[in-house]
Every structure is written in structure tokens, then in C-alpha cells.
């Protein structure tokens, strides 16, 4: 199993943030199916103010390239991503249109012992 941590910002608007969270209470079934088919075993998203933090646990065969391909080939996933972009904005230093950014692991308690 692999674990990835990613970050993204939401637009700084309480109404938009509330709408974004409401959408995540009822994620479209096609989007959930696509996530599973890409090799994601578990996914959690946390928020503080307008910053999001995602933890993804995947099978050993997972690749971001394959996930991008699956996402691009699903009309519903593309509709979802377009809708979500109404609420999201890139982290400082992101390229135009860049969404979730992979974070670097800088500490591991288990190996520090």
C-alpha cells in the first residue's frame, strides 16, 4: 500500500466553502467509482480555513498518470472537476490550472524512534 498527501486551497469565501463541503457530503457515484478503479483504497480530506489536505491510500499499482487517464476518459469526472474548480484555487506557486499538489514527507515517527 502507498500513501500520498496532497494540498489545495479553496477560494476565501465562506459561502463557497460551505457549498464545496456540501458537495462532498454527496459525491457523485461515477466519481467515487472512478476513484476506486484508479487504485485508491481510502481517501480523506481535511480543511483548516481555506486550505485542504488530502490523504490517499492506494494499492501498490497506483499511478497518478493512470488516474489522470481514467479521469480524462470519464465525462462525469470531468463535469465534477469543472464544478469543483468554481471553489478551488491553486496553492501559492502553482502553475495555472494546477489543482492538488503532492506534498513531501519530512518526518516519520516510526523511523525516528
PDB file of N, CA and C in Angstrom:
ATOM      1  N   UNK A   1       0.845  -1.174   0.000  1.00  0.00           N
ATOM      2  CA  UNK A   1       0.000   0.000   0.000  1.00  0.00           C
ATOM      3  C   UNK A   1       0.892   1.241   0.000  1.00  0.00           C
ATOM      4  N   UNK A   2       0.420   2.268  -0.722  1.00  0.00           N
ATOM      5  CA  UNK A   2       1.121   3.548  -0.783  1.00  0.00           C
ATOM      6  C   UNK A   2       0.244   4.624  -0.133  1.00  0.00           C
ATOM      7  N   UNK A   3       0.887   5.651   0.382  1.00  0.00           N
ATOM      8  CA  UNK A   3       0.155   6.792   0.957  1.00  0.00           C
ATOM      9  C   UNK A   3       0.693   8.072   0.324  1.00  0.00           C
ATOM     10  N   UNK A   4      -0.241   8.930  -0.073  1.00  0.00           N
ATOM     11  CA  UNK A   4       0.101  10.222  -0.650  1.00  0.00           C
ATOM     12  C   UNK A   4      -0.642  11.307   0.121  1.00  0.00           C
ATOM     13  N   UNK A   5       0.017  12.437   0.307  1.00  0.00           N
ATOM     14  CA  UNK A   5      -0.605  13.591   0.937  1.00  0.00           C
ATOM     15  C   UNK A   5      -0.542  14.750  -0.052  1.00  0.00           C
ATOM     16  N   UNK A   6      -1.678  15.407  -0.216  1.00  0.00           N
ATOM     17  CA  UNK A   6      -1.785  16.481  -1.193  1.00  0.00           C
ATOM     18  C   UNK A   6      -2.466  17.685  -0.556  1.00  0.00           C
ATOM     19  N   UNK A   7      -2.231  18.861  -1.117  1.00  0.00           N
ATOM     20  CA  UNK A   7      -2.836  20.083  -0.600  1.00  0.00           C
ATOM     21  C   UNK A   7      -3.421  20.902  -1.743  1.00  0.00           C
ATOM     22  N   UNK A   8      -4.397  21.711  -1.391  1.00  0.00           N
ATOM     23  CA  UNK A   8      -5.086  22.588  -2.334  1.00  0.00           C
ATOM     24  C   UNK A   8      -5.760  23.685  -1.524  1.00  0.00           C
ATOM     25  N   UNK A   9      -5.961  24.839  -2.111  1.00  0.00           N
ATOM     26  CA  UNK A   9      -6.687  25.916  -1.447  1.00  0.00           C
ATOM     27  C   UNK A   9      -8.067  26.082  -2.056  1.00  0.00           C
ATOM     28  N   UNK A  10      -8.996  26.497  -1.211  1.00  0.00           N
ATOM     29  CA  UNK A  10     -10.307  26.922  -1.676  1.00  0.00           C
ATOM     30  C   UNK A  10     -10.297  28.441  -1.780  1.00  0.00           C
ATOM     31  N   UNK A  11     -11.211  28.967  -2.573  1.00  0.00           N
ATOM     32  CA  UNK A  11     -11.363  30.413  -2.635  1.00  0.00           C
ATOM     33  C   UNK A  11     -11.814  30.891  -1.257  1.00  0.00           C
ATOM     34  N   UNK A  12     -11.303  32.035  -0.848  1.00  0.00           N
ATOM     35  CA  UNK A  12     -11.596  32.542   0.500  1.00  0.00           C
ATOM     36  C   UNK A  12     -12.960  33.211   0.536  1.00  0.00           C
ATOM     37  N   UNK A  13     -13.997  32.372   0.572  1.00  0.00           N
ATOM     38  CA  UNK A  13     -15.382  32.833   0.597  1.00  0.00           C
ATOM     39  C   UNK A  13     -16.176  31.801   1.386  1.00  0.00           C
ATOM     40  N   UNK A  14     -16.694  32.201   2.537  1.00  0.00           N
ATOM     41  CA  UNK A  14     -17.386  31.244   3.415  1.00  0.00           C
ATOM     42  C   UNK A  14     -18.561  30.555   2.730  1.00  0.00           C
ATOM     43  N   UNK A  15     -19.290  31.277   1.901  1.00  0.00           N
ATOM     44  CA  UNK A  15     -20.414  30.672   1.186  1.00  0.00           C
ATOM     45  C   UNK A  15     -19.955  29.601   0.211  1.00  0.00           C
ATOM     46  N   UNK A  16     -18.893  29.890  -0.538  1.00  0.00           N
ATOM     47  CA  UNK A  16     -18.352  28.902  -1.474  1.00  0.00           C
ATOM     48  C   UNK A  16     -17.780  27.695  -0.731  1.00  0.00           C
ATOM     49  N   UNK A  17     -17.109  27.948   0.388  1.00  0.00           N
ATOM     50  CA  UNK A  17     -16.549  26.845   1.173  1.00  0.00           C
ATOM     51  C   UNK A  17     -17.671  25.941   1.679  1.00  0.00           C
ATOM     52  N   UNK A  18     -18.772  26.533   2.132  1.00  0.00           N
ATOM     53  CA  UNK A  18     -19.918  25.735   2.597  1.00  0.00           C
ATOM     54  C   UNK A  18     -20.500  24.909   1.452  1.00  0.00           C
ATOM     55  N   UNK A  19     -20.601  25.496   0.264  1.00  0.00           N
ATOM     56  CA  UNK A  19     -21.102  24.751  -0.897  1.00  0.00           C
ATOM     57  C   UNK A  19     -20.164  23.595  -1.239  1.00  0.00           C
ATOM     58  N   UNK A  20     -18.870  23.853  -1.206  1.00  0.00           N
ATOM     59  CA  UNK A  20     -17.881  22.817  -1.510  1.00  0.00           C
ATOM     60  C   UNK A  20     -18.039  21.636  -0.547  1.00  0.00           C
ATOM     61  N   UNK A  21     -18.160  21.939   0.731  1.00  0.00           N
ATOM     62  CA  UNK A  21     -18.328  20.872   1.718  1.00  0.00           C
ATOM     63  C   UNK A  21     -19.643  20.117   1.497  1.00  0.00           C
ATOM     64  N   UNK A  22     -20.703  20.841   1.130  1.00  0.00           N
ATOM     65  CA  UNK A  22     -21.988  20.186   0.855  1.00  0.00           C
ATOM     66  C   UNK A  22     -21.870  19.213  -0.320  1.00  0.00           C
ATOM     67  N   UNK A  23     -21.138  19.597  -1.358  1.00  0.00           N
ATOM     68  CA  UNK A  23     -20.934  18.693  -2.495  1.00  0.00           C
ATOM     69  C   UNK A  23     -20.226  17.411  -2.037  1.00  0.00           C
ATOM     70  N   UNK A  24     -19.320  17.532  -1.078  1.00  0.00           N
ATOM     71  CA  UNK A  24     -18.567  16.361  -0.621  1.00  0.00           C
ATOM     72  C   UNK A  24     -19.354  15.476   0.344  1.00  0.00           C
ATOM     73  N   UNK A  25     -20.538  15.931   0.741  1.00  0.00           N
ATOM     74  CA  UNK A  25     -21.432  15.057   1.513  1.00  0.00           C
ATOM     75  C   UNK A  25     -22.162  14.087   0.585  1.00  0.00           C
ATOM     76  N   UNK A  26     -22.209  14.429  -0.709  1.00  0.00           N
ATOM     77  CA  UNK A  26     -22.897  13.603  -1.711  1.00  0.00           C
ATOM     78  C   UNK A  26     -22.084  13.580  -3.002  1.00  0.00           C
ATOM     79  N   UNK A  27     -20.892  13.008  -2.933  1.00  0.00           N
ATOM     80  CA  UNK A  27     -20.054  12.906  -4.127  1.00  0.00           C
ATOM     81  C   UNK A  27     -20.762  12.007  -5.136  1.00  0.00           C
ATOM     82  N   UNK A  28     -20.722  12.394  -6.374  1.00  0.00           N
ATOM     83  CA  UNK A  28     -21.399  11.646  -7.430  1.00  0.00           C
ATOM     84  C   UNK A  28     -20.878  10.209  -7.485  1.00  0.00           C
ATOM     85  N   UNK A  29     -21.777   9.242  -7.664  1.00  0.00           N
ATOM     86  CA  UNK A  29     -21.363   7.827  -7.706  1.00  0.00           C
ATOM     87  C   UNK A  29     -20.313   7.530  -8.779  1.00  0.00           C
ATOM     88  N   UNK A  30     -20.406   8.188  -9.924  1.00  0.00           N
ATOM     89  CA  UNK A  30     -19.446   7.962 -11.000  1.00  0.00           C
ATOM     90  C   UNK A  30     -18.042   8.406 -10.589  1.00  0.00           C
ATOM     91  N   UNK A  31     -17.969   9.456  -9.799  1.00  0.00           N
ATOM     92  CA  UNK A  31     -16.684   9.958  -9.320  1.00  0.00           C
ATOM     93  C   UNK A  31     -16.093   8.973  -8.320  1.00  0.00           C
ATOM     94  N   UNK A  32     -16.932   8.491  -7.407  1.00  0.00           N
ATOM     95  CA  UNK A  32     -16.461   7.506  -6.423  1.00  0.00           C
ATOM     96  C   UNK A  32     -15.989   6.223  -7.110  1.00  0.00           C
ATOM     97  N   UNK A  33     -16.740   5.785  -8.117  1.00  0.00           N
ATOM     98  CA  UNK A  33     -16.359   4.579  -8.865  1.00  0.00           C
ATOM     99  C   UNK A  33     -15.007   4.774  -9.541  1.00  0.00           C
ATOM    100  N   UNK A  34     -14.809   5.935 -10.148  1.00  0.00           N
ATOM    101  CA  UNK A  34     -13.552   6.231 -10.827  1.00  0.00           C
ATOM    102  C   UNK A  34     -12.375   6.241  -9.845  1.00  0.00           C
ATOM    103  N   UNK A  35     -12.600   6.800  -8.664  1.00  0.00           N
ATOM    104  CA  UNK A  35     -11.558   6.821  -7.640  1.00  0.00           C
ATOM    105  C   UNK A  35     -11.164   5.389  -7.283  1.00  0.00           C
ATOM    106  N   UNK A  36     -12.152   4.538  -7.059  1.00  0.00           N
ATOM    107  CA  UNK A  36     -11.878   3.127  -6.723  1.00  0.00           C
ATOM    108  C   UNK A  36     -11.138   2.426  -7.851  1.00  0.00           C
ATOM    109  N   UNK A  37     -11.589   2.627  -9.083  1.00  0.00           N
ATOM    110  CA  UNK A  37     -10.975   1.956 -10.228  1.00  0.00           C
ATOM    111  C   UNK A  37      -9.539   2.400 -10.466  1.00  0.00           C
ATOM    112  N   UNK A  38      -9.181   3.573  -9.976  1.00  0.00           N
ATOM    113  CA  UNK A  38      -7.810   4.063 -10.159  1.00  0.00           C
ATOM    114  C   UNK A  38      -6.828   3.430  -9.181  1.00  0.00           C
ATOM    115  N   UNK A  39      -7.358   2.697  -8.195  1.00  0.00           N
ATOM    116  CA  UNK A  39      -6.487   2.044  -7.223  1.00  0.00           C
ATOM    117  C   UNK A  39      -6.462   2.701  -5.857  1.00  0.00           C
ATOM    118  N   UNK A  40      -7.329   3.695  -5.658  1.00  0.00           N
ATOM    119  CA  UNK A  40      -7.413   4.343  -4.350  1.00  0.00           C
ATOM    120  C   UNK A  40      -8.221   3.443  -3.424  1.00  0.00           C
ATOM    121  N   UNK A  41      -7.633   3.138  -2.271  1.00  0.00           N
ATOM    122  CA  UNK A  41      -8.277   2.289  -1.271  1.00  0.00           C
ATOM    123  C   UNK A  41      -9.013   3.139  -0.244  1.00  0.00           C
ATOM    124  N   UNK A  42      -8.433   4.265   0.117  1.00  0.00           N
ATOM    125  CA  UNK A  42      -9.037   5.157   1.097  1.00  0.00           C
ATOM    126  C   UNK A  42      -8.621   6.583   0.780  1.00  0.00           C
ATOM    127  N   UNK A  43      -9.493   7.531   1.109  1.00  0.00           N
ATOM    128  CA  UNK A  43      -9.202   8.940   0.861  1.00  0.00           C
ATOM    129  C   UNK A  43      -9.916   9.755   1.933  1.00  0.00           C
ATOM    130  N   UNK A  44      -9.193  10.698   2.503  1.00  0.00           N
ATOM    131  CA  UNK A  44      -9.773  11.629   3.465  1.00  0.00           C
ATOM    132  C   UNK A  44      -9.328  13.037   3.090  1.00  0.00           C
ATOM    133  N   UNK A  45     -10.235  14.007   3.283  1.00  0.00           N
ATOM    134  CA  UNK A  45      -9.903  15.412   3.052  1.00  0.00           C
ATOM    135  C   UNK A  45     -10.208  16.179   4.333  1.00  0.00           C
ATOM    136  N   UNK A  46      -9.250  16.992   4.749  1.00  0.00           N
ATOM    137  CA  UNK A  46      -9.388  17.833   5.931  1.00  0.00           C
ATOM    138  C   UNK A  46      -9.278  19.291   5.497  1.00  0.00           C
ATOM    139  N   UNK A  47      -9.876  20.188   6.305  1.00  0.00           N
ATOM    140  CA  UNK A  47      -9.837  21.613   5.984  1.00  0.00           C
ATOM    141  C   UNK A  47      -9.508  22.427   7.222  1.00  0.00           C
ATOM    142  N   UNK A  48      -8.670  23.421   7.044  1.00  0.00           N
ATOM    143  CA  UNK A  48      -8.486  24.495   8.014  1.00  0.00           C
ATOM    144  C   UNK A  48      -8.550  25.786   7.220  1.00  0.00           C
ATOM    145  N   UNK A  49      -9.478  26.651   7.609  1.00  0.00           N
ATOM    146  CA  UNK A  49      -9.757  27.874   6.870  1.00  0.00           C
ATOM    147  C   UNK A  49      -9.992  27.514   5.403  1.00  0.00           C
ATOM    148  N   UNK A  50      -9.175  28.020   4.472  1.00  0.00           N
ATOM    149  CA  UNK A  50      -9.417  27.678   3.068  1.00  0.00           C
ATOM    150  C   UNK A  50      -8.415  26.654   2.533  1.00  0.00           C
ATOM    151  N   UNK A  51      -7.582  26.093   3.392  1.00  0.00           N
ATOM    152  CA  UNK A  51      -6.582  25.098   2.968  1.00  0.00           C
ATOM    153  C   UNK A  51      -7.133  23.689   3.148  1.00  0.00           C
ATOM    154  N   UNK A  52      -7.001  22.873   2.103  1.00  0.00           N
ATOM    155  CA  UNK A  52      -7.401  21.469   2.140  1.00  0.00           C
ATOM    156  C   UNK A  52      -6.172  20.582   2.189  1.00  0.00           C
ATOM    157  N   UNK A  53      -6.314  19.466   2.883  1.00  0.00           N
ATOM    158  CA  UNK A  53      -5.263  18.464   3.000  1.00  0.00           C
ATOM    159  C   UNK A  53      -5.902  17.107   2.725  1.00  0.00           C
ATOM    160  N   UNK A  54      -5.384  16.379   1.742  1.00  0.00           N
ATOM    161  CA  UNK A  54      -5.931  15.076   1.368  1.00  0.00           C
ATOM    162  C   UNK A  54      -4.910  13.977   1.666  1.00  0.00           C
ATOM    163  N   UNK A  55      -5.407  12.896   2.248  1.00  0.00           N
ATOM    164  CA  UNK A  55      -4.599  11.694   2.436  1.00  0.00           C
ATOM    165  C   UNK A  55      -5.214  10.621   1.547  1.00  0.00           C
ATOM    166  N   UNK A  56      -4.400  10.054   0.675  1.00  0.00           N
ATOM    167  CA  UNK A  56      -4.841   8.965  -0.201  1.00  0.00           C
ATOM    168  C   UNK A  56      -4.019   7.725   0.104  1.00  0.00           C
ATOM    169  N   UNK A  57      -4.705   6.628   0.341  1.00  0.00           N
ATOM    170  CA  UNK A  57      -4.031   5.341   0.442  1.00  0.00           C
ATOM    171  C   UNK A  57      -4.429   4.549  -0.785  1.00  0.00           C
ATOM    172  N   UNK A  58      -3.422   3.971  -1.440  1.00  0.00           N
ATOM    173  CA  UNK A  58      -3.657   3.311  -2.720  1.00  0.00           C
ATOM    174  C   UNK A  58      -3.060   1.905  -2.723  1.00  0.00           C
ATOM    175  N   UNK A  59      -3.464   1.133  -3.730  1.00  0.00           N
ATOM    176  CA  UNK A  59      -2.805  -0.155  -3.914  1.00  0.00           C
ATOM    177  C   UNK A  59      -1.411   0.078  -4.484  1.00  0.00           C
ATOM    178  N   UNK A  60      -0.618  -0.953  -4.506  1.00  0.00           N
ATOM    179  CA  UNK A  60       0.781  -0.814  -4.940  1.00  0.00           C
ATOM    180  C   UNK A  60       0.929  -0.478  -6.413  1.00  0.00           C
ATOM    181  N   UNK A  61      -0.115  -0.737  -7.220  1.00  0.00           N
ATOM    182  CA  UNK A  61      -0.047  -0.474  -8.660  1.00  0.00           C
ATOM    183  C   UNK A  61      -0.515   0.926  -9.041  1.00  0.00           C
ATOM    184  N   UNK A  62      -0.951   1.707  -8.071  1.00  0.00           N
ATOM    185  CA  UNK A  62      -1.474   3.048  -8.353  1.00  0.00           C
ATOM    186  C   UNK A  62      -0.422   3.927  -9.019  1.00  0.00           C
ATOM    187  N   UNK A  63      -0.895   4.739  -9.997  1.00  0.00           N
ATOM    188  CA  UNK A  63      -0.040   5.772 -10.569  1.00  0.00           C
ATOM    189  C   UNK A  63      -0.908   6.990 -10.874  1.00  0.00           C
ATOM    190  N   UNK A  64      -0.340   8.174 -10.663  1.00  0.00           N
ATOM    191  CA  UNK A  64      -1.066   9.403 -10.962  1.00  0.00           C
ATOM    192  C   UNK A  64      -1.344   9.515 -12.458  1.00  0.00           C
ATOM    193  N   UNK A  65      -0.424   9.012 -13.266  1.00  0.00           N
ATOM    194  CA  UNK A  65      -0.612   9.051 -14.717  1.00  0.00           C
ATOM    195  C   UNK A  65      -1.856   8.239 -15.126  1.00  0.00           C
ATOM    196  N   UNK A  66      -2.006   7.048 -14.569  1.00  0.00           N
ATOM    197  CA  UNK A  66      -3.172   6.207 -14.864  1.00  0.00           C
ATOM    198  C   UNK A  66      -4.452   6.869 -14.349  1.00  0.00           C
ATOM    199  N   UNK A  67      -4.383   7.474 -13.162  1.00  0.00           N
ATOM    200  CA  UNK A  67      -5.561   8.156 -12.619  1.00  0.00           C
ATOM    201  C   UNK A  67      -5.958   9.322 -13.522  1.00  0.00           C
ATOM    202  N   UNK A  68      -4.991  10.086 -13.993  1.00  0.00           N
ATOM    203  CA  UNK A  68      -5.278  11.192 -14.914  1.00  0.00           C
ATOM    204  C   UNK A  68      -5.955  10.681 -16.182  1.00  0.00           C
ATOM    205  N   UNK A  69      -5.481   9.543 -16.691  1.00  0.00           N
ATOM    206  CA  UNK A  69      -6.082   8.950 -17.888  1.00  0.00           C
ATOM    207  C   UNK A  69      -7.538   8.558 -17.619  1.00  0.00           C
ATOM    208  N   UNK A  70      -7.785   7.878 -16.483  1.00  0.00           N
ATOM    209  CA  UNK A  70      -9.153   7.484 -16.137  1.00  0.00           C
ATOM    210  C   UNK A  70     -10.044   8.706 -15.950  1.00  0.00           C
ATOM    211  N   UNK A  71      -9.519   9.721 -15.281  1.00  0.00           N
ATOM    212  CA  UNK A  71     -10.296  10.951 -15.078  1.00  0.00           C
ATOM    213  C   UNK A  71     -10.663  11.589 -16.414  1.00  0.00           C
ATOM    214  N   UNK A  72      -9.688  11.674 -17.313  1.00  0.00           N
ATOM    215  CA  UNK A  72      -9.905  12.321 -18.607  1.00  0.00           C
ATOM    216  C   UNK A  72     -10.900  11.555 -19.469  1.00  0.00           C
ATOM    217  N   UNK A  73     -10.996  10.245 -19.267  1.00  0.00           N
ATOM    218  CA  UNK A  73     -11.887   9.432 -20.099  1.00  0.00           C
ATOM    219  C   UNK A  73     -13.315   9.346 -19.547  1.00  0.00           C
ATOM    220  N   UNK A  74     -13.574   9.992 -18.415  1.00  0.00           N
ATOM    221  CA  UNK A  74     -14.912   9.972 -17.819  1.00  0.00           C
ATOM    222  C   UNK A  74     -15.548  11.358 -17.912  1.00  0.00           C
ATOM    223  N   UNK A  75     -16.644  11.434 -18.671  1.00  0.00           N
ATOM    224  CA  UNK A  75     -17.343  12.704 -18.821  1.00  0.00           C
ATOM    225  C   UNK A  75     -17.855  13.226 -17.480  1.00  0.00           C
ATOM    226  N   UNK A  76     -18.366  12.328 -16.634  1.00  0.00           N
ATOM    227  CA  UNK A  76     -18.886  12.740 -15.324  1.00  0.00           C
ATOM    228  C   UNK A  76     -17.778  13.278 -14.426  1.00  0.00           C
ATOM    229  N   UNK A  77     -16.613  12.634 -14.448  1.00  0.00           N
ATOM    230  CA  UNK A  77     -15.492  13.115 -13.638  1.00  0.00           C
ATOM    231  C   UNK A  77     -15.064  14.488 -14.138  1.00  0.00           C
ATOM    232  N   UNK A  78     -15.050  14.689 -15.448  1.00  0.00           N
ATOM    233  CA  UNK A  78     -14.693  15.997 -15.995  1.00  0.00           C
ATOM    234  C   UNK A  78     -15.704  17.064 -15.576  1.00  0.00           C
ATOM    235  N   UNK A  79     -16.996  16.701 -15.540  1.00  0.00           N
ATOM    236  CA  UNK A  79     -18.024  17.636 -15.072  1.00  0.00           C
ATOM    237  C   UNK A  79     -17.805  17.972 -13.596  1.00  0.00           C
ATOM    238  N   UNK A  80     -17.491  16.965 -12.802  1.00  0.00           N
ATOM    239  CA  UNK A  80     -17.226  17.166 -11.371  1.00  0.00           C
ATOM    240  C   UNK A  80     -16.019  18.096 -11.185  1.00  0.00           C
ATOM    241  N   UNK A  81     -14.947  17.831 -11.915  1.00  0.00           N
ATOM    242  CA  UNK A  81     -13.739  18.650 -11.780  1.00  0.00           C
ATOM    243  C   UNK A  81     -14.010  20.099 -12.181  1.00  0.00           C
ATOM    244  N   UNK A  82     -14.781  20.298 -13.227  1.00  0.00           N
ATOM    245  CA  UNK A  82     -15.134  21.651 -13.652  1.00  0.00           C
ATOM    246  C   UNK A  82     -15.953  22.347 -12.566  1.00  0.00           C
ATOM    247  N   UNK A  83     -16.903  21.633 -11.977  1.00  0.00           N
ATOM    248  CA  UNK A  83     -17.715  22.180 -10.892  1.00  0.00           C
ATOM    249  C   UNK A  83     -16.838  22.530  -9.686  1.00  0.00           C
ATOM    250  N   UNK A  84     -15.944  21.628  -9.315  1.00  0.00           N
ATOM    251  CA  UNK A  84     -15.090  21.865  -8.145  1.00  0.00           C
ATOM    252  C   UNK A  84     -14.166  23.047  -8.348  1.00  0.00           C
ATOM    253  N   UNK A  85     -13.746  23.303  -9.583  1.00  0.00           N
ATOM    254  CA  UNK A  85     -12.825  24.406  -9.847  1.00  0.00           C
ATOM    255  C   UNK A  85     -13.486  25.754  -9.554  1.00  0.00           C
ATOM    256  N   UNK A  86     -14.823  25.797  -9.470  1.00  0.00           N
ATOM    257  CA  UNK A  86     -15.518  27.020  -9.062  1.00  0.00           C
ATOM    258  C   UNK A  86     -15.187  27.392  -7.622  1.00  0.00           C
ATOM    259  N   UNK A  87     -14.773  26.420  -6.840  1.00  0.00           N
ATOM    260  CA  UNK A  87     -14.495  26.612  -5.411  1.00  0.00           C
ATOM    261  C   UNK A  87     -13.003  26.611  -5.091  1.00  0.00           C
ATOM    262  N   UNK A  88     -12.215  26.034  -5.961  1.00  0.00           N
ATOM    263  CA  UNK A  88     -10.802  25.795  -5.685  1.00  0.00           C
ATOM    264  C   UNK A  88      -9.915  26.865  -6.326  1.00  0.00           C
ATOM    265  N   UNK A  89      -8.726  26.985  -5.753  1.00  0.00           N
ATOM    266  CA  UNK A  89      -7.679  27.802  -6.358  1.00  0.00           C
ATOM    267  C   UNK A  89      -6.351  27.138  -6.040  1.00  0.00           C
ATOM    268  N   UNK A  90      -5.402  27.338  -6.887  1.00  0.00           N
ATOM    269  CA  UNK A  90      -4.103  26.721  -6.684  1.00  0.00           C
ATOM    270  C   UNK A  90      -3.380  27.273  -5.463  1.00  0.00           C
ATOM    271  N   UNK A  91      -2.526  26.465  -4.909  1.00  0.00           N
ATOM    272  CA  UNK A  91      -1.650  26.920  -3.837  1.00  0.00           C
ATOM    273  C   UNK A  91      -0.714  28.006  -4.372  1.00  0.00           C
ATOM    274  N   UNK A  92      -0.211  28.868  -3.498  1.00  0.00           N
ATOM    275  CA  UNK A  92       0.793  29.829  -3.957  1.00  0.00           C
ATOM    276  C   UNK A  92       1.944  29.084  -4.651  1.00  0.00           C
ATOM    277  N   UNK A  93       2.359  29.594  -5.785  1.00  0.00           N
ATOM    278  CA  UNK A  93       3.440  28.975  -6.550  1.00  0.00           C
ATOM    279  C   UNK A  93       2.977  27.909  -7.531  1.00  0.00           C
ATOM    280  N   UNK A  94       1.677  27.628  -7.584  1.00  0.00           N
ATOM    281  CA  UNK A  94       1.158  26.618  -8.517  1.00  0.00           C
ATOM    282  C   UNK A  94       1.153  27.159  -9.943  1.00  0.00           C
ATOM    283  N   UNK A  95       1.257  26.224 -10.892  1.00  0.00           N
ATOM    284  CA  UNK A  95       1.115  26.590 -12.302  1.00  0.00           C
ATOM    285  C   UNK A  95      -0.365  26.889 -12.578  1.00  0.00           C
ATOM    286  N   UNK A  96      -0.672  27.681 -13.586  1.00  0.00           N
ATOM    287  CA  UNK A  96      -2.079  27.963 -13.916  1.00  0.00           C
ATOM    288  C   UNK A  96      -2.856  26.657 -14.123  1.00  0.00           C
ATOM    289  N   UNK A  97      -4.000  26.546 -13.461  1.00  0.00           N
ATOM    290  CA  UNK A  97      -4.844  25.361 -13.582  1.00  0.00           C
ATOM    291  C   UNK A  97      -4.411  24.180 -12.735  1.00  0.00           C
ATOM    292  N   UNK A  98      -3.277  24.281 -12.054  1.00  0.00           N
ATOM    293  CA  UNK A  98      -2.796  23.168 -11.227  1.00  0.00           C
ATOM    294  C   UNK A  98      -3.635  23.093  -9.952  1.00  0.00           C
ATOM    295  N   UNK A  99      -4.144  21.902  -9.680  1.00  0.00           N
ATOM    296  CA  UNK A  99      -5.001  21.705  -8.517  1.00  0.00           C
ATOM    297  C   UNK A  99      -4.206  21.089  -7.377  1.00  0.00           C
ATOM    298  N   UNK A 100      -4.592  19.889  -6.984  1.00  0.00           N
ATOM    299  CA  UNK A 100      -3.960  19.222  -5.851  1.00  0.00           C
ATOM    300  C   UNK A 100      -2.465  19.063  -6.102  1.00  0.00           C
ATOM    301  N   UNK A 101      -1.662  19.443  -5.102  1.00  0.00           N
ATOM    302  CA  UNK A 101      -0.208  19.306  -5.216  1.00  0.00           C
ATOM    303  C   UNK A 101       0.290  18.304  -4.190  1.00  0.00           C
ATOM    304  N   UNK A 102       1.131  17.418  -4.668  1.00  0.00           N
ATOM    305  CA  UNK A 102       1.719  16.380  -3.834  1.00  0.00           C
ATOM    306  C   UNK A 102       2.671  17.012  -2.829  1.00  0.00           C
ATOM    307  N   UNK A 103       2.559  16.581  -1.589  1.00  0.00           N
ATOM    308  CA  UNK A 103       3.400  17.112  -0.525  1.00  0.00           C
ATOM    309  C   UNK A 103       4.582  16.178  -0.287  1.00  0.00           C
ATOM    310  N   UNK A 104       5.689  16.740   0.178  1.00  0.00           N
ATOM    311  CA  UNK A 104       6.867  15.949   0.522  1.00  0.00           C
ATOM    312  C   UNK A 104       6.800  15.552   1.993  1.00  0.00           C
ATOM    313  N   UNK A 105       7.087  14.303   2.255  1.00  0.00           N
ATOM    314  CA  UNK A 105       7.144  13.818   3.635  1.00  0.00           C
ATOM    315  C   UNK A 105       8.464  14.294   4.248  1.00  0.00           C
ATOM    316  N   UNK A 106       8.376  14.943   5.399  1.00  0.00           N
ATOM    317  CA  UNK A 106       9.582  15.445   6.049  1.00  0.00           C
ATOM    318  C   UNK A 106       9.838  14.808   7.411  1.00  0.00           C
ATOM    319  N   UNK A 107       8.877  14.012   7.913  1.00  0.00           N
ATOM    320  CA  UNK A 107       9.054  13.373   9.210  1.00  0.00           C
ATOM    321  C   UNK A 107       8.228  12.103   9.247  1.00  0.00           C
ATOM    322  N   UNK A 108       8.791  11.059   9.832  1.00  0.00           N
ATOM    323  CA  UNK A 108       8.091   9.797  10.041  1.00  0.00           C
ATOM    324  C   UNK A 108       8.428   9.311  11.442  1.00  0.00           C
ATOM    325  N   UNK A 109       7.459   9.330  12.312  1.00  0.00           N
ATOM    326  CA  UNK A 109       7.651   8.966  13.711  1.00  0.00           C
ATOM    327  C   UNK A 109       8.242   7.570  13.859  1.00  0.00           C
ATOM    328  N   UNK A 110       7.726   6.635  13.068  1.00  0.00           N
ATOM    329  CA  UNK A 110       8.193   5.231  13.187  1.00  0.00           C
ATOM    330  C   UNK A 110       9.675   5.084  12.907  1.00  0.00           C
ATOM    331  N   UNK A 111      10.165   5.826  11.918  1.00  0.00           N
ATOM    332  CA  UNK A 111      11.587   5.701  11.599  1.00  0.00           C
ATOM    333  C   UNK A 111      12.450   6.579  12.497  1.00  0.00           C
ATOM    334  N   UNK A 112      11.834   7.526  13.190  1.00  0.00           N
ATOM    335  CA  UNK A 112      12.579   8.422  14.082  1.00  0.00           C
ATOM    336  C   UNK A 112      12.912   7.778  15.432  1.00  0.00           C
ATOM    337  N   UNK A 113      12.188   6.722  15.751  1.00  0.00           N
ATOM    338  CA  UNK A 113      12.402   6.061  17.052  1.00  0.00           C
ATOM    339  C   UNK A 113      13.734   5.348  17.119  1.00  0.00           C
TER     340      UNK A 113
END
